[in-house]
């Protein structure tokens, strides 16, 4: 699963009408590796 994190909507809430608390679950290995690969492709596409 290449996603960086998954939002847990059941635990996400609005506090005092001005603050949003977002709960996410993440995998700091595969998701991070996927973002590094995305960055490398982006830089390559830009010719950097």
PDB file of N, CA and C in Angstrom:
ATOM      1  N   UNK A   1       0.846  -1.180   0.000  1.00  0.00           N
ATOM      2  CA  UNK A   1       0.000   0.000   0.000  1.00  0.00           C
ATOM      3  C   UNK A   1       0.889   1.240   0.000  1.00  0.00           C
ATOM      4  N   UNK A   2       0.920   2.006  -1.079  1.00  0.00           N
ATOM      5  CA  UNK A   2       1.853   3.121  -1.197  1.00  0.00           C
ATOM      6  C   UNK A   2       1.393   4.426  -0.546  1.00  0.00           C
ATOM      7  N   UNK A   3       0.235   4.438   0.102  1.00  0.00           N
ATOM      8  CA  UNK A   3      -0.241   5.680   0.726  1.00  0.00           C
ATOM      9  C   UNK A   3       0.627   6.041   1.928  1.00  0.00           C
ATOM     10  N   UNK A   4       0.817   7.337   2.143  1.00  0.00           N
ATOM     11  CA  UNK A   4       1.612   7.801   3.287  1.00  0.00           C
ATOM     12  C   UNK A   4       0.872   7.616   4.593  1.00  0.00           C
ATOM     13  N   UNK A   5      -0.419   7.884   4.570  1.00  0.00           N
ATOM     14  CA  UNK A   5      -1.236   7.686   5.767  1.00  0.00           C
ATOM     15  C   UNK A   5      -2.690   7.503   5.362  1.00  0.00           C
ATOM     16  N   UNK A   6      -3.467   6.981   6.290  1.00  0.00           N
ATOM     17  CA  UNK A   6      -4.892   6.750   6.064  1.00  0.00           C
ATOM     18  C   UNK A   6      -5.650   7.473   7.172  1.00  0.00           C
ATOM     19  N   UNK A   7      -6.579   8.343   6.796  1.00  0.00           N
ATOM     20  CA  UNK A   7      -7.366   9.095   7.780  1.00  0.00           C
ATOM     21  C   UNK A   7      -8.377   8.170   8.432  1.00  0.00           C
ATOM     22  N   UNK A   8      -8.446   8.233   9.757  1.00  0.00           N
ATOM     23  CA  UNK A   8      -9.435   7.469  10.523  1.00  0.00           C
ATOM     24  C   UNK A   8     -10.596   8.411  10.834  1.00  0.00           C
ATOM     25  N   UNK A   9     -11.599   8.417   9.951  1.00  0.00           N
ATOM     26  CA  UNK A   9     -12.712   9.360  10.063  1.00  0.00           C
ATOM     27  C   UNK A   9     -13.489   9.201  11.366  1.00  0.00           C
ATOM     28  N   UNK A  10     -13.516   8.011  11.922  1.00  0.00           N
ATOM     29  CA  UNK A  10     -14.255   7.773  13.159  1.00  0.00           C
ATOM     30  C   UNK A  10     -13.684   8.594  14.322  1.00  0.00           C
ATOM     31  N   UNK A  11     -12.395   8.838  14.326  1.00  0.00           N
ATOM     32  CA  UNK A  11     -11.754   9.564  15.421  1.00  0.00           C
ATOM     33  C   UNK A  11     -11.422  11.019  15.083  1.00  0.00           C
ATOM     34  N   UNK A  12     -11.688  11.441  13.849  1.00  0.00           N
ATOM     35  CA  UNK A  12     -11.456  12.825  13.454  1.00  0.00           C
ATOM     36  C   UNK A  12     -12.603  13.677  13.972  1.00  0.00           C
ATOM     37  N   UNK A  13     -12.293  14.855  14.528  1.00  0.00           N
ATOM     38  CA  UNK A  13     -13.338  15.681  15.138  1.00  0.00           C
ATOM     39  C   UNK A  13     -13.008  17.164  15.050  1.00  0.00           C
ATOM     40  N   UNK A  14     -14.064  17.998  15.177  1.00  0.00           N
ATOM     41  CA  UNK A  14     -13.915  19.446  15.243  1.00  0.00           C
ATOM     42  C   UNK A  14     -14.048  19.844  16.700  1.00  0.00           C
ATOM     43  N   UNK A  15     -13.079  20.616  17.199  1.00  0.00           N
ATOM     44  CA  UNK A  15     -13.070  21.046  18.593  1.00  0.00           C
ATOM     45  C   UNK A  15     -13.291  22.554  18.668  1.00  0.00           C
ATOM     46  N   UNK A  16     -14.225  22.984  19.467  1.00  0.00           N
ATOM     47  CA  UNK A  16     -14.528  24.408  19.686  1.00  0.00           C
ATOM     48  C   UNK A  16     -14.877  25.149  18.403  1.00  0.00           C
ATOM     49  N   UNK A  17     -15.254  24.458  17.366  1.00  0.00           N
ATOM     50  CA  UNK A  17     -15.665  25.089  16.121  1.00  0.00           C
ATOM     51  C   UNK A  17     -14.541  25.693  15.298  1.00  0.00           C
ATOM     52  N   UNK A  18     -13.304  25.663  15.808  1.00  0.00           N
ATOM     53  CA  UNK A  18     -12.198  26.290  15.074  1.00  0.00           C
ATOM     54  C   UNK A  18     -10.994  25.378  14.872  1.00  0.00           C
ATOM     55  N   UNK A  19     -10.946  24.270  15.573  1.00  0.00           N
ATOM     56  CA  UNK A  19      -9.793  23.372  15.508  1.00  0.00           C
ATOM     57  C   UNK A  19     -10.250  22.003  15.026  1.00  0.00           C
ATOM     58  N   UNK A  20      -9.556  21.461  14.036  1.00  0.00           N
ATOM     59  CA  UNK A  20      -9.878  20.129  13.532  1.00  0.00           C
ATOM     60  C   UNK A  20      -8.785  19.169  13.979  1.00  0.00           C
ATOM     61  N   UNK A  21      -9.191  18.108  14.649  1.00  0.00           N
ATOM     62  CA  UNK A  21      -8.258  17.062  15.080  1.00  0.00           C
ATOM     63  C   UNK A  21      -8.405  15.902  14.100  1.00  0.00           C
ATOM     64  N   UNK A  22      -7.336  15.623  13.357  1.00  0.00           N
ATOM     65  CA  UNK A  22      -7.352  14.565  12.354  1.00  0.00           C
ATOM     66  C   UNK A  22      -6.461  13.429  12.844  1.00  0.00           C
ATOM     67  N   UNK A  23      -7.024  12.233  12.908  1.00  0.00           N
ATOM     68  CA  UNK A  23      -6.273  11.053  13.323  1.00  0.00           C
ATOM     69  C   UNK A  23      -5.954  10.238  12.076  1.00  0.00           C
ATOM     70  N   UNK A  24      -4.674   9.927  11.895  1.00  0.00           N
ATOM     71  CA  UNK A  24      -4.265   9.107  10.754  1.00  0.00           C
ATOM     72  C   UNK A  24      -3.368   7.968  11.221  1.00  0.00           C
ATOM     73  N   UNK A  25      -3.359   6.921  10.431  1.00  0.00           N
ATOM     74  CA  UNK A  25      -2.466   5.783  10.645  1.00  0.00           C
ATOM     75  C   UNK A  25      -1.459   5.817   9.512  1.00  0.00           C
ATOM     76  N   UNK A  26      -0.201   5.602   9.827  1.00  0.00           N
ATOM     77  CA  UNK A  26       0.814   5.676   8.780  1.00  0.00           C
ATOM     78  C   UNK A  26       1.841   4.565   8.913  1.00  0.00           C
ATOM     79  N   UNK A  27       2.468   4.286   7.784  1.00  0.00           N
ATOM     80  CA  UNK A  27       3.566   3.324   7.712  1.00  0.00           C
ATOM     81  C   UNK A  27       4.801   4.123   7.346  1.00  0.00           C
ATOM     82  N   UNK A  28       5.736   4.242   8.248  1.00  0.00           N
ATOM     83  CA  UNK A  28       6.869   5.127   8.005  1.00  0.00           C
ATOM     84  C   UNK A  28       7.956   4.510   7.128  1.00  0.00           C
ATOM     85  N   UNK A  29       7.750   3.341   6.574  1.00  0.00           N
ATOM     86  CA  UNK A  29       8.753   2.749   5.689  1.00  0.00           C
ATOM     87  C   UNK A  29       8.279   2.748   4.239  1.00  0.00           C
ATOM     88  N   UNK A  30       7.220   2.024   3.948  1.00  0.00           N
ATOM     89  CA  UNK A  30       6.750   1.923   2.561  1.00  0.00           C
ATOM     90  C   UNK A  30       6.198   3.254   2.065  1.00  0.00           C
ATOM     91  N   UNK A  31       5.398   3.926   2.891  1.00  0.00           N
ATOM     92  CA  UNK A  31       4.857   5.230   2.499  1.00  0.00           C
ATOM     93  C   UNK A  31       5.967   6.237   2.240  1.00  0.00           C
ATOM     94  N   UNK A  32       6.967   6.275   3.121  1.00  0.00           N
ATOM     95  CA  UNK A  32       8.105   7.190   2.953  1.00  0.00           C
ATOM     96  C   UNK A  32       8.865   6.860   1.668  1.00  0.00           C
ATOM     97  N   UNK A  33       9.112   5.595   1.440  1.00  0.00           N
ATOM     98  CA  UNK A  33       9.823   5.181   0.226  1.00  0.00           C
ATOM     99  C   UNK A  33       9.051   5.583  -1.022  1.00  0.00           C
ATOM    100  N   UNK A  34       7.741   5.475  -0.969  1.00  0.00           N
ATOM    101  CA  UNK A  34       6.913   5.877  -2.109  1.00  0.00           C
ATOM    102  C   UNK A  34       7.021   7.372  -2.365  1.00  0.00           C
ATOM    103  N   UNK A  35       7.049   8.183  -1.294  1.00  0.00           N
ATOM    104  CA  UNK A  35       7.169   9.633  -1.462  1.00  0.00           C
ATOM    105  C   UNK A  35       8.549  10.009  -1.997  1.00  0.00           C
ATOM    106  N   UNK A  36       9.598   9.308  -1.574  1.00  0.00           N
ATOM    107  CA  UNK A  36      10.945   9.569  -2.098  1.00  0.00           C
ATOM    108  C   UNK A  36      10.984   9.248  -3.589  1.00  0.00           C
ATOM    109  N   UNK A  37      10.371   8.142  -3.984  1.00  0.00           N
ATOM    110  CA  UNK A  37      10.308   7.790  -5.408  1.00  0.00           C
ATOM    111  C   UNK A  37       9.529   8.850  -6.186  1.00  0.00           C
ATOM    112  N   UNK A  38       8.424   9.342  -5.612  1.00  0.00           N
ATOM    113  CA  UNK A  38       7.654  10.417  -6.253  1.00  0.00           C
ATOM    114  C   UNK A  38       8.511  11.669  -6.428  1.00  0.00           C
ATOM    115  N   UNK A  39       9.277  12.020  -5.396  1.00  0.00           N
ATOM    116  CA  UNK A  39      10.136  13.199  -5.460  1.00  0.00           C
ATOM    117  C   UNK A  39      11.210  13.034  -6.532  1.00  0.00           C
ATOM    118  N   UNK A  40      11.824  11.866  -6.601  1.00  0.00           N
ATOM    119  CA  UNK A  40      12.845  11.610  -7.622  1.00  0.00           C
ATOM    120  C   UNK A  40      12.268  11.750  -9.023  1.00  0.00           C
ATOM    121  N   UNK A  41      11.081  11.206  -9.240  1.00  0.00           N
ATOM    122  CA  UNK A  41      10.433  11.324 -10.548  1.00  0.00           C
ATOM    123  C   UNK A  41      10.106  12.781 -10.859  1.00  0.00           C
ATOM    124  N   UNK A  42       9.603  13.517  -9.870  1.00  0.00           N
ATOM    125  CA  UNK A  42       9.282  14.928 -10.054  1.00  0.00           C
ATOM    126  C   UNK A  42      10.527  15.714 -10.460  1.00  0.00           C
ATOM    127  N   UNK A  43      11.624  15.504  -9.739  1.00  0.00           N
ATOM    128  CA  UNK A  43      12.865  16.209 -10.053  1.00  0.00           C
ATOM    129  C   UNK A  43      13.389  15.832 -11.435  1.00  0.00           C
ATOM    130  N   UNK A  44      13.287  14.554 -11.790  1.00  0.00           N
ATOM    131  CA  UNK A  44      13.712  14.101 -13.114  1.00  0.00           C
ATOM    132  C   UNK A  44      12.872  14.767 -14.201  1.00  0.00           C
ATOM    133  N   UNK A  45      11.550  14.787 -13.998  1.00  0.00           N
ATOM    134  CA  UNK A  45      10.656  15.396 -14.984  1.00  0.00           C
ATOM    135  C   UNK A  45      10.932  16.889 -15.163  1.00  0.00           C
ATOM    136  N   UNK A  46      11.388  17.555 -14.102  1.00  0.00           N
ATOM    137  CA  UNK A  46      11.706  18.988 -14.166  1.00  0.00           C
ATOM    138  C   UNK A  46      13.118  19.239 -14.693  1.00  0.00           C
ATOM    139  N   UNK A  47      13.892  18.171 -14.887  1.00  0.00           N
ATOM    140  CA  UNK A  47      15.253  18.303 -15.384  1.00  0.00           C
ATOM    141  C   UNK A  47      16.239  18.780 -14.330  1.00  0.00           C
ATOM    142  N   UNK A  48      15.909  18.545 -13.081  1.00  0.00           N
ATOM    143  CA  UNK A  48      16.797  18.989 -11.987  1.00  0.00           C
ATOM    144  C   UNK A  48      17.707  17.883 -11.528  1.00  0.00           C
TER     145      UNK A  48
END
